[in-house]
Amino acid sequence: MVNLGALRLVEGPALTRAWIVLSVLACVGAIGVWVVYTLEHAPHSLWIFASFLVLSFLAEGLIQRAHGNRILSRSRRC
């Protein structure tokens, strides 16, 4: 998620964007390998991961709503 946020904020050459896209793909690939491995060896633990993932998004949404914060790209900041 941090890498996707960096992609929205970067104002550099295309090579910088390429590195960020590669880092996003590497993270997605690593999580994919972990999910496949976990499905084969301990599928019950995926519920714990999914629960924490949902809770983190809910908590972040509530915090942003409570404080009135929004994440904007640099071009939209005033």
Protein backbone atom coordinates (compact mmCIF):
# COMPACT_ATOMS: atom_id res chain seq x y z
CA MET A 1 0.00 0.00 0.00
CA VAL A 2 2.83 2.38 0.78
CA ASN A 3 4.28 1.75 -2.66
CA LEU A 4 1.00 2.64 -4.33
CA GLY A 5 0.89 5.84 -2.31
CA ALA A 6 4.42 6.65 -3.44
CA LEU A 7 3.35 6.13 -7.03
CA ARG A 8 0.70 8.83 -6.60
CA LEU A 9 3.21 11.28 -5.12
CA VAL A 10 6.27 10.77 -7.31
CA GLU A 11 7.20 13.62 -9.62
CA GLY A 12 10.34 12.21 -11.12
CA PRO A 13 11.47 10.51 -14.30
CA ALA A 14 9.73 7.46 -15.68
CA LEU A 15 12.48 5.23 -14.29
CA THR A 16 11.41 6.18 -10.76
CA ARG A 17 7.84 5.12 -11.56
CA ALA A 18 9.15 1.86 -13.01
CA TRP A 19 10.98 1.05 -9.75
CA ILE A 20 7.83 1.71 -7.76
CA VAL A 21 5.74 -0.49 -10.08
CA LEU A 22 8.36 -3.24 -9.78
CA SER A 23 8.25 -2.98 -5.98
CA VAL A 24 4.44 -3.27 -6.04
CA LEU A 25 4.67 -6.35 -8.26
CA ALA A 26 7.32 -7.89 -5.99
CA CYS A 27 5.13 -7.35 -2.92
CA VAL A 28 2.07 -8.81 -4.65
CA GLY A 29 4.15 -11.78 -5.79
CA ALA A 30 5.52 -12.41 -2.31
CA ILE A 31 2.05 -12.25 -0.77
CA GLY A 32 0.77 -14.59 -3.49
CA VAL A 33 3.49 -17.16 -2.77
CA TRP A 34 2.74 -16.91 0.95
CA VAL A 35 -1.01 -17.38 0.39
CA VAL A 36 -0.46 -20.48 -1.76
CA TYR A 37 1.95 -21.96 0.78
CA THR A 38 -0.42 -21.18 3.65
CA LEU A 39 -3.39 -22.68 1.81
CA GLU A 40 -1.45 -25.92 1.43
CA HIS A 41 -0.07 -26.14 4.96
CA ALA A 42 -2.28 -24.14 7.33
CA PRO A 43 -5.43 -22.85 5.63
CA HIS A 44 -7.08 -21.93 8.93
CA SER A 45 -4.47 -19.22 9.53
CA LEU A 46 -5.59 -17.32 6.42
CA TRP A 47 -8.71 -16.28 8.34
CA ILE A 48 -6.48 -14.55 10.88
CA PHE A 49 -4.64 -12.70 8.11
CA ALA A 50 -7.89 -11.72 6.38
CA SER A 51 -9.40 -10.53 9.66
CA PHE A 52 -6.43 -8.30 10.45
CA LEU A 53 -6.40 -6.97 6.91
CA VAL A 54 -10.09 -6.00 7.10
CA LEU A 55 -9.64 -4.52 10.58
CA SER A 56 -6.70 -2.40 9.41
CA PHE A 57 -8.71 -0.92 6.53
CA LEU A 58 -11.66 -0.24 8.81
CA ALA A 59 -9.48 1.37 11.46
CA GLU A 60 -7.72 3.57 8.90
CA GLY A 61 -11.05 4.64 7.42
CA LEU A 62 -12.43 5.50 10.84
CA ILE A 63 -9.31 7.45 11.80
CA GLN A 64 -9.38 9.44 8.57
CA ARG A 65 -13.08 10.14 8.97
CA ALA A 66 -12.70 11.19 12.62
CA HIS A 67 -9.84 13.58 11.84
CA GLY A 68 -11.15 14.77 8.48
CA ASN A 69 -7.94 13.72 6.73
CA ARG A 70 -7.76 12.80 3.08
CA ILE A 71 -4.81 11.53 1.09
CA LEU A 72 -4.26 13.71 -1.97
CA SER A 73 -1.65 13.70 -4.69
CA ARG A 74 0.82 16.59 -4.70
CA SER A 75 -0.88 18.25 -7.65
CA ARG A 76 -4.19 18.42 -5.78
CA ARG A 77 -2.80 19.89 -2.54
CA CYS A 78 -3.48 23.55 -1.89
